Amino acid sequence: MTYTLEISDDLKERLDSHLEEGETHEELIEELVSMYETEGTFLQEGYSE
C-alpha cells in the first residue's frame, strides 16, 4: 500500500540538499529510518560524545 506524505516547502528543501545524485526522496527517507533503527539516533557530522 502506498501513502502520500505532505511536507512543508522548507523540509523539502532540506531533504533536497541531502539527496545524492539520482537518489529519490523515498530512498533518502528509507536510509534515515534505517539509520535511526540501527543507531537509535541520527548522526550529525562532527558530533561526538
PDB file of N, CA and C in Angstrom:
ATOM      1  N   MET A   1       0.849  -1.167   0.000  1.00  0.00           N
ATOM      2  CA  MET A   1       0.000   0.000   0.000  1.00  0.00           C
ATOM      3  C   MET A   1       0.905   1.243   0.000  1.00  0.00           C
ATOM      4  N   THR A   2       0.552   2.216  -0.772  1.00  0.00           N
ATOM      5  CA  THR A   2       1.303   3.458  -0.868  1.00  0.00           C
ATOM      6  C   THR A   2       0.553   4.571  -0.152  1.00  0.00           C
ATOM      7  N   TYR A   3       1.306   5.389   0.582  1.00  0.00           N
ATOM      8  CA  TYR A   3       0.730   6.526   1.291  1.00  0.00           C
ATOM      9  C   TYR A   3       1.354   7.805   0.765  1.00  0.00           C
ATOM     10  N   THR A   4       0.612   8.876   0.855  1.00  0.00           N
ATOM     11  CA  THR A   4       1.121  10.193   0.486  1.00  0.00           C
ATOM     12  C   THR A   4       1.405  10.959   1.767  1.00  0.00           C
ATOM     13  N   LEU A   5       2.585  11.533   1.831  1.00  0.00           N
ATOM     14  CA  LEU A   5       3.001  12.314   2.984  1.00  0.00           C
ATOM     15  C   LEU A   5       3.205  13.747   2.533  1.00  0.00           C
ATOM     16  N   GLU A   6       2.510  14.667   3.163  1.00  0.00           N
ATOM     17  CA  GLU A   6       2.674  16.080   2.822  1.00  0.00           C
ATOM     18  C   GLU A   6       3.718  16.686   3.749  1.00  0.00           C
ATOM     19  N   ILE A   7       4.674  17.392   3.156  1.00  0.00           N
ATOM     20  CA  ILE A   7       5.722  18.059   3.937  1.00  0.00           C
ATOM     21  C   ILE A   7       5.780  19.525   3.526  1.00  0.00           C
ATOM     22  N   SER A   8       6.338  20.331   4.393  1.00  0.00           N
ATOM     23  CA  SER A   8       6.453  21.761   4.098  1.00  0.00           C
ATOM     24  C   SER A   8       7.515  21.982   3.022  1.00  0.00           C
ATOM     25  N   ASP A   9       7.451  23.143   2.400  1.00  0.00           N
ATOM     26  CA  ASP A   9       8.455  23.508   1.397  1.00  0.00           C
ATOM     27  C   ASP A   9       9.841  23.562   2.018  1.00  0.00           C
ATOM     28  N   ASP A  10       9.925  24.044   3.256  1.00  0.00           N
ATOM     29  CA  ASP A  10      11.224  24.127   3.938  1.00  0.00           C
ATOM     30  C   ASP A  10      11.834  22.742   4.146  1.00  0.00           C
ATOM     31  N   LEU A  11      11.010  21.783   4.570  1.00  0.00           N
ATOM     32  CA  LEU A  11      11.522  20.431   4.781  1.00  0.00           C
ATOM     33  C   LEU A  11      11.932  19.805   3.453  1.00  0.00           C
ATOM     34  N   LYS A  12      11.169  20.045   2.400  1.00  0.00           N
ATOM     35  CA  LYS A  12      11.544  19.515   1.083  1.00  0.00           C
ATOM     36  C   LYS A  12      12.898  20.059   0.655  1.00  0.00           C
ATOM     37  N   GLU A  13      13.132  21.336   0.881  1.00  0.00           N
ATOM     38  CA  GLU A  13      14.422  21.932   0.531  1.00  0.00           C
ATOM     39  C   GLU A  13      15.553  21.302   1.341  1.00  0.00           C
ATOM     40  N   ARG A  14      15.290  21.044   2.622  1.00  0.00           N
ATOM     41  CA  ARG A  14      16.304  20.397   3.460  1.00  0.00           C
ATOM     42  C   ARG A  14      16.606  18.992   2.948  1.00  0.00           C
ATOM     43  N   LEU A  15      15.551  18.243   2.598  1.00  0.00           N
ATOM     44  CA  LEU A  15      15.759  16.905   2.049  1.00  0.00           C
ATOM     45  C   LEU A  15      16.523  16.976   0.729  1.00  0.00           C
ATOM     46  N   ASP A  16      16.142  17.918  -0.123  1.00  0.00           N
ATOM     47  CA  ASP A  16      16.812  18.083  -1.416  1.00  0.00           C
ATOM     48  C   ASP A  16      18.313  18.305  -1.236  1.00  0.00           C
ATOM     49  N   SER A  17      18.692  19.036  -0.209  1.00  0.00           N
ATOM     50  CA  SER A  17      20.110  19.350   0.000  1.00  0.00           C
ATOM     51  C   SER A  17      20.919  18.124   0.415  1.00  0.00           C
ATOM     52  N   HIS A  18      20.239  17.053   0.838  1.00  0.00           N
ATOM     53  CA  HIS A  18      20.929  15.835   1.273  1.00  0.00           C
ATOM     54  C   HIS A  18      20.859  14.708   0.242  1.00  0.00           C
ATOM     55  N   LEU A  19      20.106  14.914  -0.826  1.00  0.00           N
ATOM     56  CA  LEU A  19      19.982  13.882  -1.849  1.00  0.00           C
ATOM     57  C   LEU A  19      21.288  13.717  -2.608  1.00  0.00           C
ATOM     58  N   GLU A  20      21.669  12.455  -2.823  1.00  0.00           N
ATOM     59  CA  GLU A  20      22.807  12.181  -3.693  1.00  0.00           C
ATOM     60  C   GLU A  20      22.286  12.131  -5.117  1.00  0.00           C
ATOM     61  N   GLU A  21      23.170  12.245  -6.075  1.00  0.00           N
ATOM     62  CA  GLU A  21      22.761  12.264  -7.484  1.00  0.00           C
ATOM     63  C   GLU A  21      21.965  11.012  -7.814  1.00  0.00           C
ATOM     64  N   GLY A  22      20.782  11.200  -8.365  1.00  0.00           N
ATOM     65  CA  GLY A  22      19.923  10.100  -8.768  1.00  0.00           C
ATOM     66  C   GLY A  22      19.110   9.481  -7.644  1.00  0.00           C
ATOM     67  N   GLU A  23      19.285   9.959  -6.417  1.00  0.00           N
ATOM     68  CA  GLU A  23      18.564   9.410  -5.268  1.00  0.00           C
ATOM     69  C   GLU A  23      17.191  10.068  -5.150  1.00  0.00           C
ATOM     70  N   THR A  24      16.189   9.289  -4.785  1.00  0.00           N
ATOM     71  CA  THR A  24      14.847   9.832  -4.605  1.00  0.00           C
ATOM     72  C   THR A  24      14.626  10.193  -3.144  1.00  0.00           C
ATOM     73  N   HIS A  25      13.577  10.993  -2.903  1.00  0.00           N
ATOM     74  CA  HIS A  25      13.228  11.335  -1.523  1.00  0.00           C
ATOM     75  C   HIS A  25      12.909  10.069  -0.727  1.00  0.00           C
ATOM     76  N   GLU A  26      12.207   9.140  -1.368  1.00  0.00           N
ATOM     77  CA  GLU A  26      11.844   7.888  -0.693  1.00  0.00           C
ATOM     78  C   GLU A  26      13.094   7.113  -0.264  1.00  0.00           C
ATOM     79  N   GLU A  27      14.089   7.039  -1.131  1.00  0.00           N
ATOM     80  CA  GLU A  27      15.324   6.330  -0.801  1.00  0.00           C
ATOM     81  C   GLU A  27      16.045   7.003   0.361  1.00  0.00           C
ATOM     82  N   LEU A  28      16.086   8.331   0.359  1.00  0.00           N
ATOM     83  CA  LEU A  28      16.732   9.066   1.445  1.00  0.00           C
ATOM     84  C   LEU A  28      16.006   8.816   2.766  1.00  0.00           C
ATOM     85  N   ILE A  29      14.692   8.868   2.749  1.00  0.00           N
ATOM     86  CA  ILE A  29      13.916   8.652   3.968  1.00  0.00           C
ATOM     87  C   ILE A  29      14.098   7.224   4.471  1.00  0.00           C
ATOM     88  N   GLU A  30      14.113   6.243   3.557  1.00  0.00           N
ATOM     89  CA  GLU A  30      14.359   4.853   3.948  1.00  0.00           C
ATOM     90  C   GLU A  30      15.723   4.722   4.635  1.00  0.00           C
ATOM     91  N   GLU A  31      16.736   5.392   4.091  1.00  0.00           N
ATOM     92  CA  GLU A  31      18.079   5.358   4.668  1.00  0.00           C
ATOM     93  C   GLU A  31      18.089   5.993   6.059  1.00  0.00           C
ATOM     94  N   LEU A  32      17.422   7.124   6.210  1.00  0.00           N
ATOM     95  CA  LEU A  32      17.363   7.794   7.503  1.00  0.00           C
ATOM     96  C   LEU A  32      16.661   6.933   8.552  1.00  0.00           C
ATOM     97  N   VAL A  33      15.561   6.312   8.175  1.00  0.00           N
ATOM     98  CA  VAL A  33      14.823   5.457   9.110  1.00  0.00           C
ATOM     99  C   VAL A  33      15.678   4.249   9.489  1.00  0.00           C
ATOM    100  N   SER A  34      16.350   3.672   8.521  1.00  0.00           N
ATOM    101  CA  SER A  34      17.221   2.528   8.791  1.00  0.00           C
ATOM    102  C   SER A  34      18.337   2.910   9.759  1.00  0.00           C
ATOM    103  N   MET A  35      18.947   4.081   9.538  1.00  0.00           N
ATOM    104  CA  MET A  35      19.996   4.563  10.446  1.00  0.00           C
ATOM    105  C   MET A  35      19.434   4.745  11.846  1.00  0.00           C
ATOM    106  N   TYR A  36      18.269   5.320  11.946  1.00  0.00           N
ATOM    107  CA  TYR A  36      17.647   5.554  13.245  1.00  0.00           C
ATOM    108  C   TYR A  36      17.346   4.236  13.948  1.00  0.00           C
ATOM    109  N   GLU A  37      16.826   3.270  13.211  1.00  0.00           N
ATOM    110  CA  GLU A  37      16.509   1.972  13.804  1.00  0.00           C
ATOM    111  C   GLU A  37      17.768   1.250  14.276  1.00  0.00           C
ATOM    112  N   THR A  38      18.856   1.388  13.541  1.00  0.00           N
ATOM    113  CA  THR A  38      20.107   0.718  13.878  1.00  0.00           C
ATOM    114  C   THR A  38      20.841   1.429  15.013  1.00  0.00           C
ATOM    115  N   GLU A  39      20.953   2.724  14.911  1.00  0.00           N
ATOM    116  CA  GLU A  39      21.744   3.514  15.851  1.00  0.00           C
ATOM    117  C   GLU A  39      20.932   4.025  17.034  1.00  0.00           C
ATOM    118  N   GLY A  40      19.630   4.146  16.856  1.00  0.00           N
ATOM    119  CA  GLY A  40      18.793   4.713  17.907  1.00  0.00           C
ATOM    120  C   GLY A  40      18.805   6.227  17.913  1.00  0.00           C
ATOM    121  N   THR A  41      19.581   6.805  17.030  1.00  0.00           N
ATOM    122  CA  THR A  41      19.671   8.260  16.934  1.00  0.00           C
ATOM    123  C   THR A  41      20.238   8.619  15.573  1.00  0.00           C
ATOM    124  N   PHE A  42      20.014   9.817  15.122  1.00  0.00           N
ATOM    125  CA  PHE A  42      20.606  10.269  13.876  1.00  0.00           C
ATOM    126  C   PHE A  42      21.991  10.822  14.170  1.00  0.00           C
ATOM    127  N   LEU A  43      22.915  10.538  13.299  1.00  0.00           N
ATOM    128  CA  LEU A  43      24.275  11.041  13.456  1.00  0.00           C
ATOM    129  C   LEU A  43      24.390  12.425  12.854  1.00  0.00           C
ATOM    130  N   GLN A  44      25.215  13.243  13.460  1.00  0.00           N
ATOM    131  CA  GLN A  44      25.500  14.562  12.912  1.00  0.00           C
ATOM    132  C   GLN A  44      26.986  14.619  12.643  1.00  0.00           C
ATOM    133  N   GLU A  45      27.358  15.092  11.467  1.00  0.00           N
ATOM    134  CA  GLU A  45      28.769  15.206  11.142  1.00  0.00           C
ATOM    135  C   GLU A  45      29.447  16.112  12.149  1.00  0.00           C
ATOM    136  N   GLY A  46      30.618  15.687  12.602  1.00  0.00           N
ATOM    137  CA  GLY A  46      31.381  16.500  13.528  1.00  0.00           C
ATOM    138  C   GLY A  46      30.916  16.390  14.973  1.00  0.00           C
ATOM    139  N   TYR A  47      29.923  15.566  15.235  1.00  0.00           N
ATOM    140  CA  TYR A  47      29.407  15.429  16.592  1.00  0.00           C
ATOM    141  C   TYR A  47      30.008  14.196  17.234  1.00  0.00           C
ATOM    142  N   SER A  48      30.475  14.348  18.446  1.00  0.00           N
ATOM    143  CA  SER A  48      30.957  13.200  19.204  1.00  0.00           C
ATOM    144  C   SER A  48      30.620  13.413  20.670  1.00  0.00           C
ATOM    145  N   GLU A  49      30.426  12.310  21.366  1.00  0.00           N
ATOM    146  CA  GLU A  49      30.087  12.422  22.789  1.00  0.00           C
ATOM    147  C   GLU A  49      31.324  12.395  23.633  1.00  0.00           C
TER     148      GLU A  49
END
